[in-house]
Amino acid sequence: MNFSLLIDILPFALASAVSPLMFTIAVLVASQKKSANIKSALFIFGGAVAISIIGFVIFFLLARVSPGTSYTLTDARIDLILGIFLISFALYQFFIAKPPKQHTQKVISDAGAFGLGFGFMILNTSTIIMYIPAAHVASYYSNTVKVELLSVMVLFSLIPAIVPPLMLALIHSPQKITAIKNSVNKNSRYIIAIIFGLIGIFELVKAIQYIAK
């Protein structure tokens, strides 16, 4: 993959990796007393299947097909709308949204772990939204490049599911991991608000710079 393309998609990929919801559930799965590693792997796989399907729909069915085109006034207007939307979503998260409910520890089966990964990824609004501006960037390129960029997005989106089992393997302290989970859960709306606000400003600046020429 061309390095410049990776730079273009990287802000949205990084933002898609900010998912307190997936992190919280991944901690619960990784903390299972039996077959935790297998269940974590199934949880990650479930999330990967879900976000790959969603990403494919956004990248290939909702995004325009115009490989090789340059940035135009229409693109700037789209980025302007995206920027306003992202900043509005950030303000909603910061001032209006309620903290997510705490999820209690339960025994999770192998099939349940896959189902949780699939289901919670489908509900993972903060990650899915980032695929829309990413698809706009990818729309300039061929289908082969789109697949590469989509793969990058999917990989980053799975980070919140991958990190908890790695943390438990390294730290060997469920109590510390639970404390981290509770802190992330408590501050999740502020974390999302900051990330979305920054990406929204990025989109606005890019659009306004082009329009002002």
N, C-alpha and C. Protein backbone atom coordinates (compact mmCIF):
# COMPACT_ATOMS: atom_id res chain seq x y z
N MET A 1 0.83 -1.20 0.00
CA MET A 1 0.00 0.00 0.00
C MET A 1 0.87 1.25 0.00
N ASN A 2 0.47 2.24 -0.78
CA ASN A 2 1.18 3.51 -0.82
C ASN A 2 1.11 4.18 0.55
N PHE A 3 2.25 4.69 1.02
CA PHE A 3 2.31 5.30 2.36
C PHE A 3 1.40 6.51 2.46
N SER A 4 1.29 7.28 1.40
CA SER A 4 0.43 8.48 1.42
C SER A 4 -1.03 8.10 1.61
N LEU A 5 -1.44 6.95 1.06
CA LEU A 5 -2.82 6.50 1.23
C LEU A 5 -3.07 6.13 2.69
N LEU A 6 -2.08 5.49 3.31
CA LEU A 6 -2.20 5.13 4.72
C LEU A 6 -2.35 6.38 5.58
N ILE A 7 -1.59 7.42 5.25
CA ILE A 7 -1.69 8.68 5.98
C ILE A 7 -3.09 9.28 5.83
N ASP A 8 -3.66 9.17 4.62
CA ASP A 8 -5.00 9.72 4.37
C ASP A 8 -6.06 9.04 5.22
N ILE A 9 -5.91 7.73 5.39
CA ILE A 9 -6.94 6.96 6.10
C ILE A 9 -6.66 6.86 7.59
N LEU A 10 -5.42 7.15 8.01
CA LEU A 10 -5.00 6.92 9.39
C LEU A 10 -5.83 7.65 10.45
N PRO A 11 -6.19 8.94 10.26
CA PRO A 11 -6.98 9.61 11.30
C PRO A 11 -8.28 8.88 11.60
N PHE A 12 -8.94 8.39 10.56
CA PHE A 12 -10.21 7.70 10.75
C PHE A 12 -10.00 6.30 11.33
N ALA A 13 -8.90 5.66 10.94
CA ALA A 13 -8.57 4.34 11.48
C ALA A 13 -8.29 4.44 12.99
N LEU A 14 -7.53 5.46 13.38
CA LEU A 14 -7.22 5.66 14.80
C LEU A 14 -8.49 5.96 15.58
N ALA A 15 -9.36 6.79 15.00
CA ALA A 15 -10.61 7.12 15.68
C ALA A 15 -11.52 5.91 15.81
N SER A 16 -11.50 5.02 14.81
CA SER A 16 -12.33 3.82 14.87
C SER A 16 -11.88 2.87 15.97
N ALA A 17 -10.62 3.03 16.40
CA ALA A 17 -10.08 2.17 17.45
C ALA A 17 -10.49 2.63 18.84
N VAL A 18 -11.12 3.80 18.93
CA VAL A 18 -11.57 4.31 20.23
C VAL A 18 -12.99 3.82 20.47
N SER A 19 -13.10 2.71 21.17
CA SER A 19 -14.40 2.09 21.42
C SER A 19 -14.47 1.58 22.85
N PRO A 20 -14.86 2.44 23.79
CA PRO A 20 -14.98 2.00 25.18
C PRO A 20 -15.93 0.83 25.36
N LEU A 21 -16.99 0.79 24.54
CA LEU A 21 -17.95 -0.30 24.64
C LEU A 21 -17.30 -1.66 24.36
N MET A 22 -16.59 -1.77 23.23
CA MET A 22 -15.93 -3.04 22.89
C MET A 22 -14.85 -3.38 23.90
N PHE A 23 -14.14 -2.38 24.39
CA PHE A 23 -13.09 -2.62 25.39
C PHE A 23 -13.68 -3.20 26.66
N THR A 24 -14.79 -2.62 27.11
CA THR A 24 -15.43 -3.08 28.34
C THR A 24 -15.89 -4.53 28.23
N ILE A 25 -16.56 -4.86 27.13
CA ILE A 25 -17.06 -6.22 26.95
C ILE A 25 -15.89 -7.19 26.76
N ALA A 26 -14.84 -6.74 26.07
CA ALA A 26 -13.67 -7.60 25.87
C ALA A 26 -13.00 -7.96 27.18
N VAL A 27 -13.00 -7.02 28.13
CA VAL A 27 -12.45 -7.31 29.46
C VAL A 27 -13.26 -8.40 30.15
N LEU A 28 -14.58 -8.32 30.05
CA LEU A 28 -15.45 -9.33 30.67
C LEU A 28 -15.19 -10.71 30.06
N VAL A 29 -15.03 -10.74 28.74
CA VAL A 29 -14.77 -12.02 28.06
C VAL A 29 -13.40 -12.56 28.45
N ALA A 30 -12.40 -11.69 28.46
CA ALA A 30 -11.03 -12.12 28.78
C ALA A 30 -10.88 -12.52 30.24
N SER A 31 -11.82 -12.12 31.09
CA SER A 31 -11.75 -12.43 32.52
C SER A 31 -12.48 -13.72 32.88
N GLN A 32 -12.99 -14.41 31.88
CA GLN A 32 -13.69 -15.68 32.15
C GLN A 32 -12.73 -16.69 32.79
N LYS A 33 -13.25 -17.48 33.70
CA LYS A 33 -12.40 -18.43 34.42
C LYS A 33 -12.03 -19.65 33.58
N LYS A 34 -12.89 -19.99 32.61
CA LYS A 34 -12.63 -21.16 31.76
C LYS A 34 -12.50 -20.76 30.30
N SER A 35 -11.45 -21.25 29.67
CA SER A 35 -11.22 -21.05 28.22
C SER A 35 -11.28 -19.57 27.83
N ALA A 36 -10.67 -18.73 28.65
CA ALA A 36 -10.73 -17.28 28.39
C ALA A 36 -10.07 -16.92 27.05
N ASN A 37 -8.96 -17.57 26.74
CA ASN A 37 -8.25 -17.24 25.50
C ASN A 37 -9.08 -17.61 24.26
N ILE A 38 -9.71 -18.77 24.32
CA ILE A 38 -10.55 -19.21 23.20
C ILE A 38 -11.74 -18.26 23.04
N LYS A 39 -12.34 -17.90 24.16
CA LYS A 39 -13.50 -17.01 24.12
C LYS A 39 -13.11 -15.62 23.63
N SER A 40 -11.95 -15.16 24.02
CA SER A 40 -11.47 -13.85 23.54
C SER A 40 -11.25 -13.89 22.03
N ALA A 41 -10.67 -15.01 21.56
CA ALA A 41 -10.44 -15.16 20.12
C ALA A 41 -11.77 -15.18 19.36
N LEU A 42 -12.76 -15.86 19.91
CA LEU A 42 -14.08 -15.92 19.26
C LEU A 42 -14.77 -14.56 19.31
N PHE A 43 -14.57 -13.83 20.41
CA PHE A 43 -15.12 -12.48 20.54
C PHE A 43 -14.53 -11.56 19.46
N ILE A 44 -13.22 -11.64 19.30
CA ILE A 44 -12.54 -10.83 18.28
C ILE A 44 -13.01 -11.23 16.88
N PHE A 45 -13.14 -12.54 16.66
CA PHE A 45 -13.59 -13.02 15.35
C PHE A 45 -15.01 -12.55 15.05
N GLY A 46 -15.87 -12.59 16.05
CA GLY A 46 -17.24 -12.11 15.87
C GLY A 46 -17.26 -10.63 15.51
N GLY A 47 -16.44 -9.85 16.21
CA GLY A 47 -16.34 -8.43 15.89
C GLY A 47 -15.78 -8.20 14.50
N ALA A 48 -14.80 -9.02 14.11
CA ALA A 48 -14.19 -8.88 12.78
C ALA A 48 -15.20 -9.16 11.68
N VAL A 49 -16.01 -10.20 11.86
CA VAL A 49 -17.03 -10.53 10.86
C VAL A 49 -18.02 -9.39 10.71
N ALA A 50 -18.49 -8.86 11.86
CA ALA A 50 -19.49 -7.80 11.83
C ALA A 50 -18.97 -6.53 11.17
N ILE A 51 -17.79 -6.07 11.58
CA ILE A 51 -17.29 -4.80 11.05
C ILE A 51 -16.82 -4.96 9.61
N SER A 52 -16.42 -6.15 9.21
CA SER A 52 -16.04 -6.38 7.81
C SER A 52 -17.27 -6.26 6.90
N ILE A 53 -18.39 -6.83 7.34
CA ILE A 53 -19.63 -6.72 6.56
C ILE A 53 -20.09 -5.27 6.48
N ILE A 54 -20.10 -4.60 7.63
CA ILE A 54 -20.53 -3.20 7.67
C ILE A 54 -19.59 -2.34 6.83
N GLY A 55 -18.29 -2.55 6.99
CA GLY A 55 -17.31 -1.78 6.23
C GLY A 55 -17.45 -1.99 4.74
N PHE A 56 -17.69 -3.24 4.33
CA PHE A 56 -17.86 -3.52 2.90
C PHE A 56 -19.06 -2.77 2.35
N VAL A 57 -20.15 -2.79 3.08
CA VAL A 57 -21.36 -2.07 2.63
C VAL A 57 -21.07 -0.59 2.47
N ILE A 58 -20.41 0.01 3.45
CA ILE A 58 -20.13 1.45 3.40
C ILE A 58 -19.12 1.78 2.31
N PHE A 59 -18.06 0.99 2.21
CA PHE A 59 -16.99 1.29 1.25
C PHE A 59 -17.41 1.05 -0.20
N PHE A 60 -18.22 0.00 -0.43
CA PHE A 60 -18.50 -0.39 -1.81
C PHE A 60 -19.92 -0.09 -2.28
N LEU A 61 -20.88 -0.04 -1.37
CA LEU A 61 -22.25 0.16 -1.79
C LEU A 61 -22.76 1.58 -1.54
N LEU A 62 -22.23 2.24 -0.52
CA LEU A 62 -22.70 3.59 -0.21
C LEU A 62 -21.77 4.67 -0.75
N ALA A 63 -20.47 4.37 -0.84
CA ALA A 63 -19.52 5.37 -1.34
C ALA A 63 -19.62 5.45 -2.86
N ARG A 64 -19.32 6.60 -3.41
CA ARG A 64 -19.34 6.76 -4.86
C ARG A 64 -18.20 5.95 -5.49
N VAL A 65 -18.35 5.58 -6.71
CA VAL A 65 -17.31 4.85 -7.43
C VAL A 65 -16.69 5.80 -8.44
N SER A 66 -15.54 6.38 -8.08
CA SER A 66 -14.88 7.34 -8.98
C SER A 66 -13.38 7.26 -8.80
N PRO A 67 -12.78 6.10 -9.13
CA PRO A 67 -11.34 5.93 -8.90
C PRO A 67 -10.51 6.92 -9.71
N GLY A 68 -9.49 7.45 -9.06
CA GLY A 68 -8.54 8.30 -9.76
C GLY A 68 -8.92 9.76 -9.86
N THR A 69 -10.07 10.15 -9.33
CA THR A 69 -10.48 11.55 -9.42
C THR A 69 -9.78 12.37 -8.36
N SER A 70 -9.72 13.67 -8.59
CA SER A 70 -9.08 14.57 -7.63
C SER A 70 -10.13 15.18 -6.71
N TYR A 71 -9.65 15.85 -5.69
CA TYR A 71 -10.51 16.50 -4.71
C TYR A 71 -11.25 17.66 -5.37
N THR A 72 -12.56 17.68 -5.25
CA THR A 72 -13.37 18.68 -5.94
C THR A 72 -14.19 19.48 -4.93
N LEU A 73 -14.94 20.45 -5.46
CA LEU A 73 -15.81 21.26 -4.60
C LEU A 73 -16.89 20.40 -3.95
N THR A 74 -17.36 19.40 -4.68
CA THR A 74 -18.35 18.48 -4.11
C THR A 74 -17.77 17.73 -2.92
N ASP A 75 -16.51 17.29 -3.06
CA ASP A 75 -15.83 16.60 -1.96
C ASP A 75 -15.71 17.52 -0.75
N ALA A 76 -15.37 18.78 -1.01
CA ALA A 76 -15.23 19.74 0.08
C ALA A 76 -16.56 19.93 0.81
N ARG A 77 -17.64 19.98 0.04
CA ARG A 77 -18.96 20.14 0.66
C ARG A 77 -19.33 18.92 1.49
N ILE A 78 -18.97 17.73 0.98
CA ILE A 78 -19.22 16.50 1.74
C ILE A 78 -18.43 16.51 3.04
N ASP A 79 -17.14 16.90 2.95
CA ASP A 79 -16.31 16.98 4.15
C ASP A 79 -16.84 18.03 5.13
N LEU A 80 -17.38 19.11 4.60
CA LEU A 80 -17.96 20.15 5.45
C LEU A 80 -19.14 19.58 6.24
N ILE A 81 -20.00 18.85 5.56
CA ILE A 81 -21.15 18.22 6.22
C ILE A 81 -20.69 17.19 7.24
N LEU A 82 -19.70 16.38 6.85
CA LEU A 82 -19.17 15.37 7.77
C LEU A 82 -18.57 16.03 9.01
N GLY A 83 -17.83 17.12 8.80
CA GLY A 83 -17.22 17.83 9.92
C GLY A 83 -18.26 18.35 10.89
N ILE A 84 -19.31 18.96 10.35
CA ILE A 84 -20.39 19.49 11.20
C ILE A 84 -21.07 18.36 11.95
N PHE A 85 -21.30 17.24 11.24
CA PHE A 85 -21.95 16.09 11.88
C PHE A 85 -21.09 15.53 13.01
N LEU A 86 -19.79 15.37 12.76
CA LEU A 86 -18.90 14.80 13.77
C LEU A 86 -18.78 15.70 15.00
N ILE A 87 -18.70 17.00 14.76
CA ILE A 87 -18.62 17.94 15.89
C ILE A 87 -19.93 17.93 16.67
N SER A 88 -21.05 17.85 15.96
CA SER A 88 -22.36 17.79 16.63
C SER A 88 -22.47 16.53 17.48
N PHE A 89 -21.97 15.41 16.93
CA PHE A 89 -21.99 14.15 17.67
C PHE A 89 -21.10 14.25 18.90
N ALA A 90 -19.96 14.93 18.76
CA ALA A 90 -19.04 15.11 19.89
C ALA A 90 -19.70 15.94 21.00
N LEU A 91 -20.40 17.00 20.61
CA LEU A 91 -21.09 17.84 21.59
C LEU A 91 -22.21 17.07 22.29
N TYR A 92 -22.90 16.23 21.51
CA TYR A 92 -23.95 15.40 22.10
C TYR A 92 -23.36 14.45 23.15
N GLN A 93 -22.24 13.80 22.79
CA GLN A 93 -21.60 12.87 23.72
C GLN A 93 -21.14 13.59 24.98
N PHE A 94 -20.60 14.77 24.82
CA PHE A 94 -20.01 15.48 25.95
C PHE A 94 -21.07 16.04 26.90
N PHE A 95 -22.16 16.59 26.35
CA PHE A 95 -23.11 17.32 27.19
C PHE A 95 -24.43 16.58 27.44
N ILE A 96 -24.82 15.65 26.56
CA ILE A 96 -26.16 15.07 26.67
C ILE A 96 -26.14 13.57 26.96
N ALA A 97 -25.27 12.84 26.28
CA ALA A 97 -25.27 11.37 26.40
C ALA A 97 -25.04 10.94 27.85
N LYS A 98 -25.70 9.86 28.24
CA LYS A 98 -25.53 9.32 29.57
C LYS A 98 -24.41 8.28 29.58
N PRO A 99 -23.73 8.13 30.72
CA PRO A 99 -22.68 7.10 30.79
C PRO A 99 -23.28 5.71 30.52
N PRO A 100 -22.56 4.85 29.83
CA PRO A 100 -23.09 3.50 29.55
C PRO A 100 -23.25 2.70 30.84
N LYS A 101 -24.16 1.74 30.80
CA LYS A 101 -24.40 0.91 31.97
C LYS A 101 -23.20 -0.01 32.23
N GLN A 102 -22.97 -0.27 33.50
CA GLN A 102 -21.91 -1.22 33.86
C GLN A 102 -22.40 -2.64 33.56
N HIS A 103 -21.56 -3.43 32.93
CA HIS A 103 -21.91 -4.82 32.63
C HIS A 103 -21.30 -5.72 33.69
N THR A 104 -22.14 -6.52 34.30
CA THR A 104 -21.68 -7.41 35.36
C THR A 104 -21.05 -8.67 34.78
N GLN A 105 -20.18 -9.29 35.56
CA GLN A 105 -19.50 -10.50 35.12
C GLN A 105 -20.47 -11.67 35.04
N LYS A 106 -20.51 -12.35 33.92
CA LYS A 106 -21.36 -13.52 33.74
C LYS A 106 -20.54 -14.62 33.05
N VAL A 107 -21.02 -15.85 33.21
CA VAL A 107 -20.38 -16.97 32.50
C VAL A 107 -20.79 -16.88 31.03
N ILE A 108 -19.81 -16.89 30.14
CA ILE A 108 -20.05 -16.73 28.72
C ILE A 108 -19.59 -18.00 28.00
N SER A 109 -20.46 -18.54 27.17
CA SER A 109 -20.11 -19.73 26.40
C SER A 109 -19.27 -19.33 25.19
N ASP A 110 -18.71 -20.33 24.50
CA ASP A 110 -17.93 -20.03 23.30
C ASP A 110 -18.79 -19.35 22.23
N ALA A 111 -19.98 -19.92 22.00
CA ALA A 111 -20.90 -19.32 21.02
C ALA A 111 -21.34 -17.94 21.48
N GLY A 112 -21.52 -17.79 22.80
CA GLY A 112 -21.90 -16.49 23.34
C GLY A 112 -20.83 -15.44 23.13
N ALA A 113 -19.56 -15.85 23.23
CA ALA A 113 -18.45 -14.92 23.01
C ALA A 113 -18.45 -14.40 21.58
N PHE A 114 -18.66 -15.32 20.62
CA PHE A 114 -18.75 -14.90 19.22
C PHE A 114 -19.94 -13.97 19.02
N GLY A 115 -21.07 -14.34 19.60
CA GLY A 115 -22.27 -13.52 19.46
C GLY A 115 -22.11 -12.14 20.07
N LEU A 116 -21.42 -12.07 21.21
CA LEU A 116 -21.17 -10.76 21.82
C LEU A 116 -20.29 -9.89 20.93
N GLY A 117 -19.24 -10.50 20.37
CA GLY A 117 -18.36 -9.74 19.49
C GLY A 117 -19.11 -9.22 18.28
N PHE A 118 -19.91 -10.08 17.67
CA PHE A 118 -20.68 -9.70 16.49
C PHE A 118 -21.73 -8.65 16.85
N GLY A 119 -22.49 -8.91 17.91
CA GLY A 119 -23.59 -8.02 18.28
C GLY A 119 -23.14 -6.65 18.74
N PHE A 120 -22.13 -6.62 19.61
CA PHE A 120 -21.69 -5.33 20.13
C PHE A 120 -20.96 -4.51 19.07
N MET A 121 -20.33 -5.16 18.11
CA MET A 121 -19.70 -4.41 17.03
C MET A 121 -20.76 -3.75 16.14
N ILE A 122 -21.86 -4.46 15.91
CA ILE A 122 -22.95 -3.87 15.14
C ILE A 122 -23.53 -2.64 15.84
N LEU A 123 -23.52 -2.66 17.18
CA LEU A 123 -24.04 -1.54 17.97
C LEU A 123 -22.97 -0.48 18.24
N ASN A 124 -21.78 -0.70 17.72
CA ASN A 124 -20.64 0.16 18.04
C ASN A 124 -20.65 1.42 17.16
N THR A 125 -21.53 2.33 17.48
CA THR A 125 -21.74 3.53 16.67
C THR A 125 -20.47 4.35 16.48
N SER A 126 -19.71 4.52 17.55
CA SER A 126 -18.52 5.37 17.48
C SER A 126 -17.50 4.86 16.47
N THR A 127 -17.46 3.54 16.29
CA THR A 127 -16.54 2.96 15.29
C THR A 127 -17.14 3.02 13.89
N ILE A 128 -18.39 2.64 13.76
CA ILE A 128 -19.04 2.57 12.45
C ILE A 128 -19.08 3.93 11.76
N ILE A 129 -19.35 4.98 12.53
CA ILE A 129 -19.44 6.32 11.94
C ILE A 129 -18.15 6.70 11.24
N MET A 130 -17.01 6.26 11.78
CA MET A 130 -15.72 6.63 11.19
C MET A 130 -15.50 6.00 9.82
N TYR A 131 -16.27 4.99 9.49
CA TYR A 131 -16.15 4.37 8.17
C TYR A 131 -16.72 5.25 7.06
N ILE A 132 -17.56 6.20 7.42
CA ILE A 132 -18.17 7.07 6.40
C ILE A 132 -17.15 8.04 5.80
N PRO A 133 -16.43 8.84 6.62
CA PRO A 133 -15.38 9.68 6.02
C PRO A 133 -14.24 8.86 5.43
N ALA A 134 -13.95 7.68 6.02
CA ALA A 134 -12.91 6.82 5.46
C ALA A 134 -13.31 6.33 4.08
N ALA A 135 -14.59 5.99 3.90
CA ALA A 135 -15.08 5.54 2.60
C ALA A 135 -15.02 6.67 1.58
N HIS A 136 -15.21 7.90 2.05
CA HIS A 136 -15.09 9.05 1.14
C HIS A 136 -13.67 9.19 0.63
N VAL A 137 -12.70 8.99 1.50
CA VAL A 137 -11.30 9.00 1.08
C VAL A 137 -11.02 7.86 0.10
N ALA A 138 -11.52 6.67 0.43
CA ALA A 138 -11.27 5.49 -0.40
C ALA A 138 -11.94 5.57 -1.76
N SER A 139 -12.97 6.41 -1.88
CA SER A 139 -13.74 6.47 -3.13
C SER A 139 -12.92 6.99 -4.31
N TYR A 140 -11.77 7.63 -4.05
CA TYR A 140 -10.92 8.13 -5.13
C TYR A 140 -10.15 7.01 -5.83
N TYR A 141 -10.10 5.84 -5.20
CA TYR A 141 -9.18 4.82 -5.67
C TYR A 141 -9.89 3.57 -6.19
N SER A 142 -9.14 2.67 -6.77
CA SER A 142 -9.68 1.45 -7.35
C SER A 142 -10.20 0.52 -6.27
N ASN A 143 -10.93 -0.52 -6.69
CA ASN A 143 -11.48 -1.48 -5.75
C ASN A 143 -10.39 -2.22 -4.98
N THR A 144 -9.27 -2.48 -5.64
CA THR A 144 -8.15 -3.16 -4.97
C THR A 144 -7.63 -2.32 -3.80
N VAL A 145 -7.48 -1.03 -4.06
CA VAL A 145 -7.00 -0.13 -3.01
C VAL A 145 -8.06 0.01 -1.91
N LYS A 146 -9.33 0.03 -2.31
CA LYS A 146 -10.41 0.11 -1.32
C LYS A 146 -10.34 -1.06 -0.35
N VAL A 147 -10.07 -2.25 -0.88
CA VAL A 147 -9.96 -3.44 -0.03
C VAL A 147 -8.80 -3.29 0.95
N GLU A 148 -7.69 -2.75 0.49
CA GLU A 148 -6.53 -2.53 1.36
C GLU A 148 -6.86 -1.53 2.46
N LEU A 149 -7.51 -0.43 2.07
CA LEU A 149 -7.86 0.59 3.06
C LEU A 149 -8.91 0.07 4.04
N LEU A 150 -9.85 -0.72 3.54
CA LEU A 150 -10.85 -1.33 4.41
C LEU A 150 -10.19 -2.28 5.40
N SER A 151 -9.19 -3.03 4.96
CA SER A 151 -8.46 -3.95 5.83
C SER A 151 -7.78 -3.20 6.97
N VAL A 152 -7.22 -2.04 6.65
CA VAL A 152 -6.58 -1.21 7.68
C VAL A 152 -7.63 -0.75 8.69
N MET A 153 -8.78 -0.30 8.21
CA MET A 153 -9.85 0.14 9.10
C MET A 153 -10.32 -0.98 10.01
N VAL A 154 -10.51 -2.17 9.45
CA VAL A 154 -10.98 -3.31 10.24
C VAL A 154 -9.96 -3.67 11.31
N LEU A 155 -8.69 -3.69 10.95
CA LEU A 155 -7.63 -4.03 11.90
C LEU A 155 -7.63 -3.06 13.09
N PHE A 156 -7.71 -1.77 12.80
CA PHE A 156 -7.72 -0.78 13.88
C PHE A 156 -8.99 -0.88 14.71
N SER A 157 -10.11 -1.18 14.06
CA SER A 157 -11.39 -1.28 14.77
C SER A 157 -11.39 -2.41 15.79
N LEU A 158 -10.55 -3.41 15.58
CA LEU A 158 -10.50 -4.56 16.48
C LEU A 158 -9.56 -4.37 17.66
N ILE A 159 -8.83 -3.28 17.66
CA ILE A 159 -7.86 -3.03 18.75
C ILE A 159 -8.51 -3.08 20.13
N PRO A 160 -9.69 -2.45 20.34
CA PRO A 160 -10.30 -2.51 21.68
C PRO A 160 -10.65 -3.93 22.13
N ALA A 161 -10.86 -4.83 21.17
CA ALA A 161 -11.16 -6.22 21.51
C ALA A 161 -9.89 -7.03 21.74
N ILE A 162 -8.82 -6.63 21.09
CA ILE A 162 -7.55 -7.37 21.18
C ILE A 162 -6.76 -6.99 22.43
N VAL A 163 -6.84 -5.73 22.84
CA VAL A 163 -6.00 -5.24 23.94
C VAL A 163 -6.28 -5.92 25.29
N PRO A 164 -7.55 -6.09 25.73
CA PRO A 164 -7.79 -6.66 27.06
C PRO A 164 -7.15 -8.02 27.32
N PRO A 165 -7.27 -9.02 26.41
CA PRO A 165 -6.60 -10.30 26.70
C PRO A 165 -5.08 -10.15 26.76
N LEU A 166 -4.52 -9.25 25.95
CA LEU A 166 -3.08 -9.01 26.01
C LEU A 166 -2.70 -8.36 27.34
N MET A 167 -3.52 -7.43 27.81
CA MET A 167 -3.25 -6.78 29.10
C MET A 167 -3.29 -7.79 30.24
N LEU A 168 -4.29 -8.67 30.21
CA LEU A 168 -4.39 -9.69 31.26
C LEU A 168 -3.20 -10.64 31.24
N ALA A 169 -2.72 -10.94 30.03
CA ALA A 169 -1.57 -11.84 29.90
C ALA A 169 -0.30 -11.19 30.43
N LEU A 170 -0.20 -9.88 30.28
CA LEU A 170 1.02 -9.16 30.70
C LEU A 170 0.98 -8.71 32.15
N ILE A 171 -0.19 -8.26 32.59
CA ILE A 171 -0.29 -7.68 33.93
C ILE A 171 -0.59 -8.74 34.99
N HIS A 172 -1.33 -9.79 34.63
CA HIS A 172 -1.69 -10.88 35.54
C HIS A 172 -2.43 -10.37 36.78
N SER A 173 -3.25 -9.34 36.59
CA SER A 173 -4.01 -8.80 37.72
C SER A 173 -5.41 -8.40 37.24
N PRO A 174 -6.38 -9.30 37.38
CA PRO A 174 -7.75 -8.99 36.98
C PRO A 174 -8.31 -7.74 37.68
N GLN A 175 -7.86 -7.52 38.93
CA GLN A 175 -8.35 -6.37 39.67
C GLN A 175 -7.93 -5.06 38.99
N LYS A 176 -6.66 -4.99 38.57
CA LYS A 176 -6.18 -3.79 37.89
C LYS A 176 -6.88 -3.60 36.55
N ILE A 177 -7.09 -4.69 35.82
CA ILE A 177 -7.77 -4.60 34.53
C ILE A 177 -9.21 -4.13 34.73
N THR A 178 -9.85 -4.63 35.78
CA THR A 178 -11.23 -4.21 36.07
C THR A 178 -11.28 -2.73 36.41
N ALA A 179 -10.28 -2.27 37.16
CA ALA A 179 -10.22 -0.84 37.51
C ALA A 179 -10.06 0.02 36.25
N ILE A 180 -9.22 -0.45 35.33
CA ILE A 180 -9.04 0.26 34.05
C ILE A 180 -10.35 0.26 33.27
N LYS A 181 -11.02 -0.91 33.25
CA LYS A 181 -12.29 -1.02 32.54
C LYS A 181 -13.32 -0.05 33.10
N ASN A 182 -13.42 0.02 34.43
CA ASN A 182 -14.39 0.92 35.06
C ASN A 182 -14.08 2.38 34.76
N SER A 183 -12.80 2.71 34.73
CA SER A 183 -12.40 4.08 34.42
C SER A 183 -12.74 4.44 32.98
N VAL A 184 -12.46 3.51 32.07
CA VAL A 184 -12.78 3.73 30.65
C VAL A 184 -14.28 3.87 30.47
N ASN A 185 -15.04 3.00 31.14
CA ASN A 185 -16.50 3.03 31.03
C ASN A 185 -17.06 4.34 31.56
N LYS A 186 -16.52 4.80 32.68
CA LYS A 186 -17.00 6.04 33.31
C LYS A 186 -16.75 7.25 32.44
N ASN A 187 -15.60 7.27 31.75
CA ASN A 187 -15.21 8.44 30.95
C ASN A 187 -15.40 8.23 29.45
N SER A 188 -16.11 7.18 29.07
CA SER A 188 -16.22 6.82 27.66
C SER A 188 -16.80 7.94 26.80
N ARG A 189 -17.86 8.60 27.27
CA ARG A 189 -18.48 9.64 26.44
C ARG A 189 -17.55 10.83 26.22
N TYR A 190 -16.71 11.11 27.22
CA TYR A 190 -15.76 12.22 27.06
C TYR A 190 -14.64 11.83 26.09
N ILE A 191 -14.21 10.58 26.18
CA ILE A 191 -13.17 10.08 25.25
C ILE A 191 -13.67 10.16 23.82
N ILE A 192 -14.90 9.68 23.60
CA ILE A 192 -15.48 9.71 22.26
C ILE A 192 -15.67 11.14 21.78
N ALA A 193 -16.13 12.01 22.68
CA ALA A 193 -16.36 13.41 22.32
C ALA A 193 -15.08 14.09 21.84
N ILE A 194 -14.00 13.86 22.54
CA ILE A 194 -12.72 14.49 22.17
C ILE A 194 -12.25 13.99 20.80
N ILE A 195 -12.30 12.66 20.60
CA ILE A 195 -11.83 12.10 19.33
C ILE A 195 -12.70 12.57 18.17
N PHE A 196 -14.00 12.52 18.34
CA PHE A 196 -14.90 12.94 17.27
C PHE A 196 -14.77 14.43 16.99
N GLY A 197 -14.59 15.21 18.05
CA GLY A 197 -14.41 16.65 17.87
C GLY A 197 -13.17 16.96 17.06
N LEU A 198 -12.08 16.28 17.36
CA LEU A 198 -10.83 16.50 16.63
C LEU A 198 -10.95 16.10 15.16
N ILE A 199 -11.58 14.94 14.89
CA ILE A 199 -11.76 14.50 13.52
C ILE A 199 -12.71 15.45 12.78
N GLY A 200 -13.74 15.93 13.47
CA GLY A 200 -14.65 16.88 12.87
C GLY A 200 -13.96 18.17 12.48
N ILE A 201 -13.10 18.67 13.35
CA ILE A 201 -12.33 19.89 13.05
C ILE A 201 -11.41 19.65 11.87
N PHE A 202 -10.79 18.47 11.83
CA PHE A 202 -9.92 18.09 10.71
C PHE A 202 -10.69 18.15 9.39
N GLU A 203 -11.90 17.60 9.37
CA GLU A 203 -12.72 17.61 8.16
C GLU A 203 -13.13 19.03 7.78
N LEU A 204 -13.49 19.83 8.76
CA LEU A 204 -13.90 21.21 8.49
C LEU A 204 -12.76 22.03 7.91
N VAL A 205 -11.58 21.89 8.51
CA VAL A 205 -10.42 22.67 8.04
C VAL A 205 -10.08 22.28 6.60
N LYS A 206 -10.10 20.97 6.30
CA LYS A 206 -9.81 20.52 4.95
C LYS A 206 -10.80 21.09 3.95
N ALA A 207 -12.07 21.08 4.31
CA ALA A 207 -13.12 21.58 3.42
C ALA A 207 -13.02 23.09 3.23
N ILE A 208 -12.86 23.81 4.32
CA ILE A 208 -12.83 25.27 4.26
C ILE A 208 -11.60 25.77 3.50
N GLN A 209 -10.47 25.09 3.68
CA GLN A 209 -9.26 25.48 2.95
C GLN A 209 -9.48 25.39 1.43
N TYR A 210 -10.19 24.34 1.00
CA TYR A 210 -10.45 24.18 -0.44
C TYR A 210 -11.47 25.19 -0.93
N ILE A 211 -12.54 25.38 -0.19
CA ILE A 211 -13.60 26.30 -0.58
C ILE A 211 -13.11 27.74 -0.63
N ALA A 212 -12.18 28.07 0.29
CA ALA A 212 -11.68 29.45 0.38
C ALA A 212 -10.69 29.80 -0.71
N LYS A 213 -10.25 28.82 -1.50
CA LYS A 213 -9.26 29.09 -2.55
C LYS A 213 -9.83 30.03 -3.61
